[in-house]
């Protein structure tokens, strides 16, 4: 019997109808059935083991391969359905060492004005920071911006801003400025629970990291692609141990329970996953392994 890793590699190459080709650094384009998915690297941020909760530092260090912070990708995903171009998340800004999304889109031959919808998984700065140009204008001039109403309500509530440390309050100012720009042009539309954010896309509530954190499902069956946002920050740990959380989850028990449930479903349905903070391109599949899970990243070429 082949090893779990070899089994999943074979599964990726034979069951999922994907096509990869040699591409620019920070850009990876694949096909999933009728979907064309472009993974875009906005940049990297360092995440240290001190952010982890529910795991002893010694074990964390062993699983991470050393004491140094992990250089962690910040990925966005552009999905072309054949009828619509939809961007999931918009990266951050240069002040965070990010802000390369516009450049990646240009090199991929994707014009910002061709994007009809931007779906935001949650309102952390490395996911909405790229929605405005340096001049404060819409980076995606024809796109409708959609996110969970629960997420919008949480981050725009005065109580949330009051609860933040002083050093983090500027992010609320940046968030409100972004919302104001899109609202002024009739392009900001939070969606209610159970509402489809755009044609052919299902919103999957995945709360815990933030109250309205949402994953997005494109396609069906073996042709499905899920963009899961921040359900995982430390891939070397949180697949094997989904109960481990990070200190900036707003609700640690809910974040762990949400991750466990989605890993179970993703493994059962054998879908292709795109993670915002998995090593670029952040694409792969999950398989159940004992009490935990195994992640197999999509690498090299996979053909029909």
C-alpha atoms as a PDB file:
ATOM      1  CA  UNK A   1       0.000   0.000   0.000  1.00  0.00           C
ATOM      2  CA  UNK A   2       1.433   3.438  -0.914  1.00  0.00           C
ATOM      3  CA  UNK A   3       2.286   5.904   1.847  1.00  0.00           C
ATOM      4  CA  UNK A   4      -0.297   8.612   2.656  1.00  0.00           C
ATOM      5  CA  UNK A   5       1.926  11.224   1.016  1.00  0.00           C
ATOM      6  CA  UNK A   6       2.314   9.234  -2.195  1.00  0.00           C
ATOM      7  CA  UNK A   7      -1.425   8.447  -2.195  1.00  0.00           C
ATOM      8  CA  UNK A   8      -2.388  12.118  -2.013  1.00  0.00           C
ATOM      9  CA  UNK A   9       0.189  13.105  -4.628  1.00  0.00           C
ATOM     10  CA  UNK A  10      -1.290  10.525  -6.986  1.00  0.00           C
ATOM     11  CA  UNK A  11      -4.789  11.733  -6.142  1.00  0.00           C
ATOM     12  CA  UNK A  12      -3.878  15.317  -6.967  1.00  0.00           C
ATOM     13  CA  UNK A  13      -2.423  14.232 -10.298  1.00  0.00           C
ATOM     14  CA  UNK A  14      -5.214  11.918 -11.410  1.00  0.00           C
ATOM     15  CA  UNK A  15      -8.546  12.782  -9.791  1.00  0.00           C
ATOM     16  CA  UNK A  16      -8.395  16.576  -9.784  1.00  0.00           C
ATOM     17  CA  UNK A  17      -8.299  17.890 -13.349  1.00  0.00           C
ATOM     18  CA  UNK A  18      -5.553  20.456 -12.765  1.00  0.00           C
ATOM     19  CA  UNK A  19      -3.060  22.022 -15.156  1.00  0.00           C
ATOM     20  CA  UNK A  20       0.061  23.813 -13.889  1.00  0.00           C
ATOM     21  CA  UNK A  21       2.642  25.543 -16.058  1.00  0.00           C
ATOM     22  CA  UNK A  22       5.917  27.371 -15.510  1.00  0.00           C
ATOM     23  CA  UNK A  23       5.071  30.870 -14.314  1.00  0.00           C
ATOM     24  CA  UNK A  24       6.381  34.082 -12.786  1.00  0.00           C
ATOM     25  CA  UNK A  25       7.617  33.973  -9.177  1.00  0.00           C
ATOM     26  CA  UNK A  26       4.745  34.668  -6.798  1.00  0.00           C
ATOM     27  CA  UNK A  27       2.143  33.599  -9.355  1.00  0.00           C
ATOM     28  CA  UNK A  28       0.689  30.104  -9.822  1.00  0.00           C
ATOM     29  CA  UNK A  29      -2.168  29.379 -12.198  1.00  0.00           C
ATOM     30  CA  UNK A  30      -4.077  26.101 -12.220  1.00  0.00           C
ATOM     31  CA  UNK A  31      -7.297  24.693 -13.618  1.00  0.00           C
ATOM     32  CA  UNK A  32      -9.887  22.933 -11.492  1.00  0.00           C
ATOM     33  CA  UNK A  33     -12.585  21.705 -13.829  1.00  0.00           C
ATOM     34  CA  UNK A  34     -13.922  24.858 -15.482  1.00  0.00           C
ATOM     35  CA  UNK A  35     -12.300  27.124 -12.904  1.00  0.00           C
ATOM     36  CA  UNK A  36      -9.013  28.905 -13.458  1.00  0.00           C
ATOM     37  CA  UNK A  37      -7.415  29.677 -10.110  1.00  0.00           C
ATOM     38  CA  UNK A  38      -4.482  32.070  -9.799  1.00  0.00           C
ATOM     39  CA  UNK A  39      -2.586  32.079  -6.503  1.00  0.00           C
ATOM     40  CA  UNK A  40      -0.884  35.438  -5.861  1.00  0.00           C
ATOM     41  CA  UNK A  41       1.825  36.026  -3.262  1.00  0.00           C
ATOM     42  CA  UNK A  42       1.389  39.436  -1.641  1.00  0.00           C
ATOM     43  CA  UNK A  43       4.489  38.979   0.521  1.00  0.00           C
ATOM     44  CA  UNK A  44       5.640  37.282   3.710  1.00  0.00           C
ATOM     45  CA  UNK A  45       5.421  38.046   7.422  1.00  0.00           C
ATOM     46  CA  UNK A  46       7.380  36.398  10.273  1.00  0.00           C
ATOM     47  CA  UNK A  47       5.311  34.410  12.796  1.00  0.00           C
ATOM     48  CA  UNK A  48       6.950  33.094  15.956  1.00  0.00           C
ATOM     49  CA  UNK A  49       6.056  30.119  18.155  1.00  0.00           C
ATOM     50  CA  UNK A  50       5.109  32.484  20.998  1.00  0.00           C
ATOM     51  CA  UNK A  51       1.859  33.132  19.110  1.00  0.00           C
ATOM     52  CA  UNK A  52       0.727  29.533  19.566  1.00  0.00           C
ATOM     53  CA  UNK A  53      -1.735  28.491  22.273  1.00  0.00           C
ATOM     54  CA  UNK A  54      -2.265  24.927  23.483  1.00  0.00           C
ATOM     55  CA  UNK A  55       1.212  23.625  22.650  1.00  0.00           C
ATOM     56  CA  UNK A  56       4.355  23.533  24.771  1.00  0.00           C
ATOM     57  CA  UNK A  57       7.174  25.727  23.388  1.00  0.00           C
ATOM     58  CA  UNK A  58       9.550  22.781  23.138  1.00  0.00           C
ATOM     59  CA  UNK A  59       7.101  20.769  21.036  1.00  0.00           C
ATOM     60  CA  UNK A  60       6.296  23.789  18.899  1.00  0.00           C
ATOM     61  CA  UNK A  61       9.976  24.370  18.227  1.00  0.00           C
ATOM     62  CA  UNK A  62      10.480  20.727  17.297  1.00  0.00           C
ATOM     63  CA  UNK A  63       7.519  20.749  14.906  1.00  0.00           C
ATOM     64  CA  UNK A  64       8.611  24.037  13.333  1.00  0.00           C
ATOM     65  CA  UNK A  65      12.194  22.859  12.866  1.00  0.00           C
ATOM     66  CA  UNK A  66      13.862  25.449  15.071  1.00  0.00           C
ATOM     67  CA  UNK A  67      13.382  28.531  17.274  1.00  0.00           C
ATOM     68  CA  UNK A  68      13.371  31.140  14.512  1.00  0.00           C
ATOM     69  CA  UNK A  69      10.147  32.810  13.374  1.00  0.00           C
ATOM     70  CA  UNK A  70       8.538  31.219  10.330  1.00  0.00           C
ATOM     71  CA  UNK A  71       8.467  33.265   7.130  1.00  0.00           C
ATOM     72  CA  UNK A  72       4.738  33.023   6.433  1.00  0.00           C
ATOM     73  CA  UNK A  73       3.110  33.637   3.064  1.00  0.00           C
ATOM     74  CA  UNK A  74       0.253  36.071   2.561  1.00  0.00           C
ATOM     75  CA  UNK A  75      -1.696  34.694  -0.401  1.00  0.00           C
ATOM     76  CA  UNK A  76      -4.698  35.908  -2.372  1.00  0.00           C
ATOM     77  CA  UNK A  77      -6.641  33.873  -4.932  1.00  0.00           C
ATOM     78  CA  UNK A  78      -8.176  35.023  -8.205  1.00  0.00           C
ATOM     79  CA  UNK A  79     -10.867  32.670  -9.514  1.00  0.00           C
ATOM     80  CA  UNK A  80     -12.021  32.918 -13.116  1.00  0.00           C
ATOM     81  CA  UNK A  81     -15.238  30.926 -13.520  1.00  0.00           C
ATOM     82  CA  UNK A  82     -15.433  31.511 -17.258  1.00  0.00           C
ATOM     83  CA  UNK A  83     -18.190  34.068 -16.653  1.00  0.00           C
ATOM     84  CA  UNK A  84     -16.861  36.043 -13.688  1.00  0.00           C
ATOM     85  CA  UNK A  85     -13.514  37.064 -12.213  1.00  0.00           C
ATOM     86  CA  UNK A  86     -13.554  36.942  -8.421  1.00  0.00           C
ATOM     87  CA  UNK A  87     -10.693  37.860  -6.093  1.00  0.00           C
ATOM     88  CA  UNK A  88     -10.563  36.365  -2.604  1.00  0.00           C
ATOM     89  CA  UNK A  89      -8.749  38.755  -0.252  1.00  0.00           C
ATOM     90  CA  UNK A  90      -6.602  41.697  -1.264  1.00  0.00           C
ATOM     91  CA  UNK A  91      -3.363  41.464   0.704  1.00  0.00           C
ATOM     92  CA  UNK A  92      -1.790  44.155   2.835  1.00  0.00           C
ATOM     93  CA  UNK A  93       0.282  47.306   2.457  1.00  0.00           C
ATOM     94  CA  UNK A  94       3.966  48.068   2.029  1.00  0.00           C
ATOM     95  CA  UNK A  95       4.149  49.263   5.633  1.00  0.00           C
ATOM     96  CA  UNK A  96       3.715  45.592   6.605  1.00  0.00           C
ATOM     97  CA  UNK A  97       6.319  44.415   4.085  1.00  0.00           C
ATOM     98  CA  UNK A  98       3.436  43.359   1.839  1.00  0.00           C
ATOM     99  CA  UNK A  99       1.604  45.159  -0.958  1.00  0.00           C
ATOM    100  CA  UNK A 100       2.739  43.162  -4.008  1.00  0.00           C
ATOM    101  CA  UNK A 101      -0.730  42.119  -5.180  1.00  0.00           C
ATOM    102  CA  UNK A 102      -1.104  44.799  -7.872  1.00  0.00           C
ATOM    103  CA  UNK A 103       2.297  43.879  -9.291  1.00  0.00           C
ATOM    104  CA  UNK A 104       1.439  40.153  -9.307  1.00  0.00           C
ATOM    105  CA  UNK A 105      -1.868  40.779 -11.063  1.00  0.00           C
ATOM    106  CA  UNK A 106      -0.131  42.854 -13.712  1.00  0.00           C
ATOM    107  CA  UNK A 107       2.472  40.162 -14.387  1.00  0.00           C
ATOM    108  CA  UNK A 108      -0.295  37.571 -14.564  1.00  0.00           C
ATOM    109  CA  UNK A 109      -1.997  39.635 -17.256  1.00  0.00           C
ATOM    110  CA  UNK A 110      -5.023  40.425 -15.069  1.00  0.00           C
ATOM    111  CA  UNK A 111      -6.299  43.996 -15.159  1.00  0.00           C
ATOM    112  CA  UNK A 112      -7.812  45.253 -11.882  1.00  0.00           C
ATOM    113  CA  UNK A 113     -10.832  46.604 -13.751  1.00  0.00           C
ATOM    114  CA  UNK A 114     -11.602  43.091 -15.042  1.00  0.00           C
ATOM    115  CA  UNK A 115     -12.326  41.859 -11.493  1.00  0.00           C
ATOM    116  CA  UNK A 116     -16.070  41.965 -10.817  1.00  0.00           C
ATOM    117  CA  UNK A 117     -16.167  40.887  -7.161  1.00  0.00           C
ATOM    118  CA  UNK A 118     -13.747  40.936  -4.244  1.00  0.00           C
ATOM    119  CA  UNK A 119     -14.633  38.526  -1.429  1.00  0.00           C
ATOM    120  CA  UNK A 120     -13.018  39.230   1.935  1.00  0.00           C
ATOM    121  CA  UNK A 121     -12.576  36.333   4.354  1.00  0.00           C
ATOM    122  CA  UNK A 122     -12.168  38.677   7.324  1.00  0.00           C
ATOM    123  CA  UNK A 123     -11.156  42.233   8.158  1.00  0.00           C
ATOM    124  CA  UNK A 124      -7.532  41.899   9.228  1.00  0.00           C
ATOM    125  CA  UNK A 125      -5.139  44.320   7.571  1.00  0.00           C
ATOM    126  CA  UNK A 126      -3.277  41.713   5.524  1.00  0.00           C
ATOM    127  CA  UNK A 127      -6.573  40.840   3.801  1.00  0.00           C
ATOM    128  CA  UNK A 128      -8.107  44.262   3.103  1.00  0.00           C
ATOM    129  CA  UNK A 129      -5.014  46.506   2.926  1.00  0.00           C
ATOM    130  CA  UNK A 130      -4.683  46.190  -0.840  1.00  0.00           C
ATOM    131  CA  UNK A 131      -8.224  47.391  -1.585  1.00  0.00           C
ATOM    132  CA  UNK A 132      -7.072  51.014  -1.902  1.00  0.00           C
ATOM    133  CA  UNK A 133      -4.310  52.500  -4.030  1.00  0.00           C
ATOM    134  CA  UNK A 134      -1.606  54.621  -2.358  1.00  0.00           C
ATOM    135  CA  UNK A 135      -3.702  57.608  -3.451  1.00  0.00           C
ATOM    136  CA  UNK A 136      -6.717  56.298  -1.512  1.00  0.00           C
ATOM    137  CA  UNK A 137      -8.764  55.258  -4.541  1.00  0.00           C
ATOM    138  CA  UNK A 138     -10.389  51.898  -5.271  1.00  0.00           C
ATOM    139  CA  UNK A 139      -7.738  49.427  -6.402  1.00  0.00           C
ATOM    140  CA  UNK A 140     -10.494  47.444  -8.154  1.00  0.00           C
ATOM    141  CA  UNK A 141     -12.600  50.166  -9.761  1.00  0.00           C
ATOM    142  CA  UNK A 142     -15.418  47.957 -11.074  1.00  0.00           C
ATOM    143  CA  UNK A 143     -15.555  45.367  -8.306  1.00  0.00           C
ATOM    144  CA  UNK A 144     -18.296  44.870  -5.751  1.00  0.00           C
ATOM    145  CA  UNK A 145     -16.798  44.267  -2.303  1.00  0.00           C
ATOM    146  CA  UNK A 146     -18.491  41.535  -0.274  1.00  0.00           C
ATOM    147  CA  UNK A 147     -17.920  40.106   3.204  1.00  0.00           C
ATOM    148  CA  UNK A 148     -19.944  38.709   6.058  1.00  0.00           C
ATOM    149  CA  UNK A 149     -22.369  41.120   7.716  1.00  0.00           C
ATOM    150  CA  UNK A 150     -21.281  39.613  11.049  1.00  0.00           C
ATOM    151  CA  UNK A 151     -17.675  40.540  10.282  1.00  0.00           C
ATOM    152  CA  UNK A 152     -18.623  44.057   9.238  1.00  0.00           C
ATOM    153  CA  UNK A 153     -20.724  44.603  12.371  1.00  0.00           C
ATOM    154  CA  UNK A 154     -17.964  43.386  14.683  1.00  0.00           C
ATOM    155  CA  UNK A 155     -15.162  45.561  13.302  1.00  0.00           C
ATOM    156  CA  UNK A 156     -17.254  48.721  12.935  1.00  0.00           C
ATOM    157  CA  UNK A 157     -18.737  48.530  16.442  1.00  0.00           C
ATOM    158  CA  UNK A 158     -17.401  51.217  18.817  1.00  0.00           C
ATOM    159  CA  UNK A 159     -16.921  48.534  21.484  1.00  0.00           C
ATOM    160  CA  UNK A 160     -14.438  46.651  19.289  1.00  0.00           C
ATOM    161  CA  UNK A 161     -12.271  49.704  18.726  1.00  0.00           C
ATOM    162  CA  UNK A 162     -12.394  50.531  22.434  1.00  0.00           C
ATOM    163  CA  UNK A 163     -11.265  47.008  23.312  1.00  0.00           C
ATOM    164  CA  UNK A 164      -8.145  47.149  21.130  1.00  0.00           C
ATOM    165  CA  UNK A 165      -4.726  48.172  22.458  1.00  0.00           C
ATOM    166  CA  UNK A 166      -3.795  51.707  21.445  1.00  0.00           C
ATOM    167  CA  UNK A 167      -1.157  50.398  19.025  1.00  0.00           C
ATOM    168  CA  UNK A 168      -3.792  48.486  17.029  1.00  0.00           C
ATOM    169  CA  UNK A 169      -6.413  51.201  16.754  1.00  0.00           C
ATOM    170  CA  UNK A 170      -4.960  52.744  13.549  1.00  0.00           C
ATOM    171  CA  UNK A 171      -6.098  49.594  11.730  1.00  0.00           C
ATOM    172  CA  UNK A 172      -9.713  50.577  12.504  1.00  0.00           C
ATOM    173  CA  UNK A 173      -9.092  54.011  10.981  1.00  0.00           C
ATOM    174  CA  UNK A 174      -7.684  52.362   7.831  1.00  0.00           C
ATOM    175  CA  UNK A 175     -10.625  49.958   7.716  1.00  0.00           C
ATOM    176  CA  UNK A 176     -13.206  52.729   7.997  1.00  0.00           C
ATOM    177  CA  UNK A 177     -11.430  54.744   5.299  1.00  0.00           C
ATOM    178  CA  UNK A 178     -11.540  51.769   2.946  1.00  0.00           C
ATOM    179  CA  UNK A 179     -15.230  51.127   3.635  1.00  0.00           C
ATOM    180  CA  UNK A 180     -16.063  54.792   3.069  1.00  0.00           C
ATOM    181  CA  UNK A 181     -14.437  54.791  -0.372  1.00  0.00           C
ATOM    182  CA  UNK A 182     -16.281  51.688  -1.563  1.00  0.00           C
ATOM    183  CA  UNK A 183     -19.570  52.737   0.035  1.00  0.00           C
ATOM    184  CA  UNK A 184     -19.427  56.156  -1.627  1.00  0.00           C
ATOM    185  CA  UNK A 185     -19.416  54.417  -5.013  1.00  0.00           C
ATOM    186  CA  UNK A 186     -22.117  51.876  -4.139  1.00  0.00           C
ATOM    187  CA  UNK A 187     -19.637  49.014  -4.151  1.00  0.00           C
ATOM    188  CA  UNK A 188     -19.674  47.797  -0.528  1.00  0.00           C
ATOM    189  CA  UNK A 189     -22.218  45.075   0.243  1.00  0.00           C
ATOM    190  CA  UNK A 190     -21.953  42.827   3.324  1.00  0.00           C
ATOM    191  CA  UNK A 191     -23.991  39.651   2.943  1.00  0.00           C
ATOM    192  CA  UNK A 192     -26.374  38.053   5.420  1.00  0.00           C
ATOM    193  CA  UNK A 193     -26.019  34.495   6.804  1.00  0.00           C
ATOM    194  CA  UNK A 194     -27.094  31.980   4.160  1.00  0.00           C
ATOM    195  CA  UNK A 195     -26.806  34.481   1.307  1.00  0.00           C
ATOM    196  CA  UNK A 196     -24.672  33.610  -1.730  1.00  0.00           C
ATOM    197  CA  UNK A 197     -22.088  36.384  -2.083  1.00  0.00           C
ATOM    198  CA  UNK A 198     -22.042  36.087  -5.894  1.00  0.00           C
ATOM    199  CA  UNK A 199     -23.209  33.609  -8.546  1.00  0.00           C
ATOM    200  CA  UNK A 200     -21.716  30.154  -8.221  1.00  0.00           C
ATOM    201  CA  UNK A 201     -20.011  30.803  -4.884  1.00  0.00           C
ATOM    202  CA  UNK A 202     -21.010  29.427  -1.487  1.00  0.00           C
ATOM    203  CA  UNK A 203     -20.061  31.250   1.706  1.00  0.00           C
ATOM    204  CA  UNK A 204     -18.993  28.805   4.437  1.00  0.00           C
ATOM    205  CA  UNK A 205     -19.135  30.386   7.919  1.00  0.00           C
ATOM    206  CA  UNK A 206     -15.816  29.597   9.641  1.00  0.00           C
ATOM    207  CA  UNK A 207     -15.864  31.742  12.810  1.00  0.00           C
ATOM    208  CA  UNK A 208     -13.355  31.804  15.618  1.00  0.00           C
ATOM    209  CA  UNK A 209     -10.323  33.539  14.170  1.00  0.00           C
ATOM    210  CA  UNK A 210     -12.731  36.475  13.873  1.00  0.00           C
ATOM    211  CA  UNK A 211     -16.496  36.422  14.503  1.00  0.00           C
ATOM    212  CA  UNK A 212     -17.470  36.602  10.841  1.00  0.00           C
ATOM    213  CA  UNK A 213     -14.526  34.809   9.263  1.00  0.00           C
ATOM    214  CA  UNK A 214     -15.803  33.176   6.071  1.00  0.00           C
ATOM    215  CA  UNK A 215     -14.405  30.620   3.634  1.00  0.00           C
ATOM    216  CA  UNK A 216     -15.562  30.519   0.017  1.00  0.00           C
ATOM    217  CA  UNK A 217     -16.405  27.418  -2.032  1.00  0.00           C
ATOM    218  CA  UNK A 218     -16.216  27.410  -5.826  1.00  0.00           C
ATOM    219  CA  UNK A 219     -17.347  24.506  -7.993  1.00  0.00           C
ATOM    220  CA  UNK A 220     -18.560  21.126  -6.788  1.00  0.00           C
ATOM    221  CA  UNK A 221     -17.327  17.610  -6.103  1.00  0.00           C
ATOM    222  CA  UNK A 222     -13.882  16.799  -7.489  1.00  0.00           C
ATOM    223  CA  UNK A 223     -13.924  20.186  -9.252  1.00  0.00           C
ATOM    224  CA  UNK A 224     -14.288  22.180  -6.018  1.00  0.00           C
ATOM    225  CA  UNK A 225     -11.895  24.827  -4.767  1.00  0.00           C
ATOM    226  CA  UNK A 226     -12.171  26.334  -1.276  1.00  0.00           C
ATOM    227  CA  UNK A 227     -10.426  29.554  -0.235  1.00  0.00           C
ATOM    228  CA  UNK A 228     -10.168  29.207   3.538  1.00  0.00           C
ATOM    229  CA  UNK A 229      -8.515  32.440   4.653  1.00  0.00           C
ATOM    230  CA  UNK A 230      -6.870  32.217   8.085  1.00  0.00           C
ATOM    231  CA  UNK A 231      -8.074  28.808   9.272  1.00  0.00           C
ATOM    232  CA  UNK A 232      -4.404  27.858   9.489  1.00  0.00           C
ATOM    233  CA  UNK A 233      -1.313  29.957  10.200  1.00  0.00           C
ATOM    234  CA  UNK A 234       1.184  27.237  11.121  1.00  0.00           C
ATOM    235  CA  UNK A 235       0.789  24.451   8.580  1.00  0.00           C
ATOM    236  CA  UNK A 236       3.421  22.277  10.230  1.00  0.00           C
ATOM    237  CA  UNK A 237       1.333  22.195  13.401  1.00  0.00           C
ATOM    238  CA  UNK A 238      -2.360  22.937  12.845  1.00  0.00           C
ATOM    239  CA  UNK A 239      -3.099  20.048  10.473  1.00  0.00           C
ATOM    240  CA  UNK A 240      -1.632  17.445  12.808  1.00  0.00           C
ATOM    241  CA  UNK A 241      -3.026  19.318  15.833  1.00  0.00           C
ATOM    242  CA  UNK A 242      -6.108  21.342  14.815  1.00  0.00           C
ATOM    243  CA  UNK A 243      -6.790  22.113  18.482  1.00  0.00           C
ATOM    244  CA  UNK A 244      -3.750  24.442  18.590  1.00  0.00           C
ATOM    245  CA  UNK A 245      -4.756  28.084  18.172  1.00  0.00           C
ATOM    246  CA  UNK A 246      -3.021  31.450  17.816  1.00  0.00           C
ATOM    247  CA  UNK A 247      -3.093  34.337  20.250  1.00  0.00           C
ATOM    248  CA  UNK A 248      -4.901  36.689  17.842  1.00  0.00           C
ATOM    249  CA  UNK A 249      -7.926  34.408  17.398  1.00  0.00           C
ATOM    250  CA  UNK A 250     -10.896  36.264  18.875  1.00  0.00           C
ATOM    251  CA  UNK A 251     -12.402  32.996  20.196  1.00  0.00           C
ATOM    252  CA  UNK A 252      -9.851  30.211  20.612  1.00  0.00           C
ATOM    253  CA  UNK A 253     -12.244  27.312  21.385  1.00  0.00           C
ATOM    254  CA  UNK A 254     -14.456  28.233  18.440  1.00  0.00           C
ATOM    255  CA  UNK A 255     -11.445  28.598  16.138  1.00  0.00           C
ATOM    256  CA  UNK A 256     -10.246  25.102  17.075  1.00  0.00           C
ATOM    257  CA  UNK A 257     -13.687  23.553  16.649  1.00  0.00           C
ATOM    258  CA  UNK A 258     -14.189  25.275  13.291  1.00  0.00           C
ATOM    259  CA  UNK A 259     -10.827  24.056  12.021  1.00  0.00           C
ATOM    260  CA  UNK A 260     -11.476  20.472  13.138  1.00  0.00           C
ATOM    261  CA  UNK A 261     -14.872  20.444  11.410  1.00  0.00           C
ATOM    262  CA  UNK A 262     -13.588  21.933   8.160  1.00  0.00           C
ATOM    263  CA  UNK A 263     -10.581  19.598   8.048  1.00  0.00           C
ATOM    264  CA  UNK A 264     -12.966  16.654   8.460  1.00  0.00           C
ATOM    265  CA  UNK A 265     -15.180  17.869   5.651  1.00  0.00           C
ATOM    266  CA  UNK A 266     -12.316  18.785   3.311  1.00  0.00           C
ATOM    267  CA  UNK A 267     -10.688  15.380   3.794  1.00  0.00           C
ATOM    268  CA  UNK A 268     -13.974  13.587   3.209  1.00  0.00           C
ATOM    269  CA  UNK A 269     -14.832  15.565   0.065  1.00  0.00           C
ATOM    270  CA  UNK A 270     -11.233  15.608  -1.276  1.00  0.00           C
ATOM    271  CA  UNK A 271     -11.445  19.262  -2.311  1.00  0.00           C
ATOM    272  CA  UNK A 272      -8.594  21.504  -3.339  1.00  0.00           C
ATOM    273  CA  UNK A 273      -7.805  24.038  -0.591  1.00  0.00           C
ATOM    274  CA  UNK A 274      -6.265  27.491  -0.843  1.00  0.00           C
ATOM    275  CA  UNK A 275      -4.911  28.899   2.428  1.00  0.00           C
ATOM    276  CA  UNK A 276      -3.926  32.524   2.955  1.00  0.00           C
ATOM    277  CA  UNK A 277      -0.956  31.639   5.171  1.00  0.00           C
ATOM    278  CA  UNK A 278       0.149  28.286   3.809  1.00  0.00           C
ATOM    279  CA  UNK A 279       3.509  28.294   2.022  1.00  0.00           C
ATOM    280  CA  UNK A 280       2.979  29.789  -1.427  1.00  0.00           C
ATOM    281  CA  UNK A 281       1.068  28.904  -3.540  1.00  0.00           C
ATOM    282  CA  UNK A 282      -0.956  27.679  -0.546  1.00  0.00           C
ATOM    283  CA  UNK A 283      -2.735  25.000  -2.589  1.00  0.00           C
ATOM    284  CA  UNK A 284      -3.207  21.352  -1.684  1.00  0.00           C
ATOM    285  CA  UNK A 285      -5.379  18.703  -0.074  1.00  0.00           C
ATOM    286  CA  UNK A 286      -6.076  17.337   3.387  1.00  0.00           C
ATOM    287  CA  UNK A 287      -6.220  13.678   4.394  1.00  0.00           C
ATOM    288  CA  UNK A 288      -7.287  12.232   7.738  1.00  0.00           C
ATOM    289  CA  UNK A 289      -4.438  10.586   9.659  1.00  0.00           C
ATOM    290  CA  UNK A 290      -5.244   9.150  13.101  1.00  0.00           C
ATOM    291  CA  UNK A 291      -6.436  11.935  15.398  1.00  0.00           C
ATOM    292  CA  UNK A 292      -5.061  14.601  13.086  1.00  0.00           C
ATOM    293  CA  UNK A 293      -4.608  15.361   9.416  1.00  0.00           C
ATOM    294  CA  UNK A 294      -1.933  15.460   6.741  1.00  0.00           C
ATOM    295  CA  UNK A 295      -1.477  18.339   4.307  1.00  0.00           C
ATOM    296  CA  UNK A 296      -0.116  17.601   0.846  1.00  0.00           C
ATOM    297  CA  UNK A 297       0.895  20.732  -1.015  1.00  0.00           C
ATOM    298  CA  UNK A 298       0.379  20.930  -4.743  1.00  0.00           C
ATOM    299  CA  UNK A 299       3.814  20.924  -6.393  1.00  0.00           C
ATOM    300  CA  UNK A 300       5.244  20.516  -9.845  1.00  0.00           C
ATOM    301  CA  UNK A 301       2.975  19.684 -12.740  1.00  0.00           C
ATOM    302  CA  UNK A 302      -0.333  17.895 -12.491  1.00  0.00           C
ATOM    303  CA  UNK A 303      -2.056  16.965 -15.753  1.00  0.00           C
ATOM    304  CA  UNK A 304      -5.399  15.527 -16.727  1.00  0.00           C
END
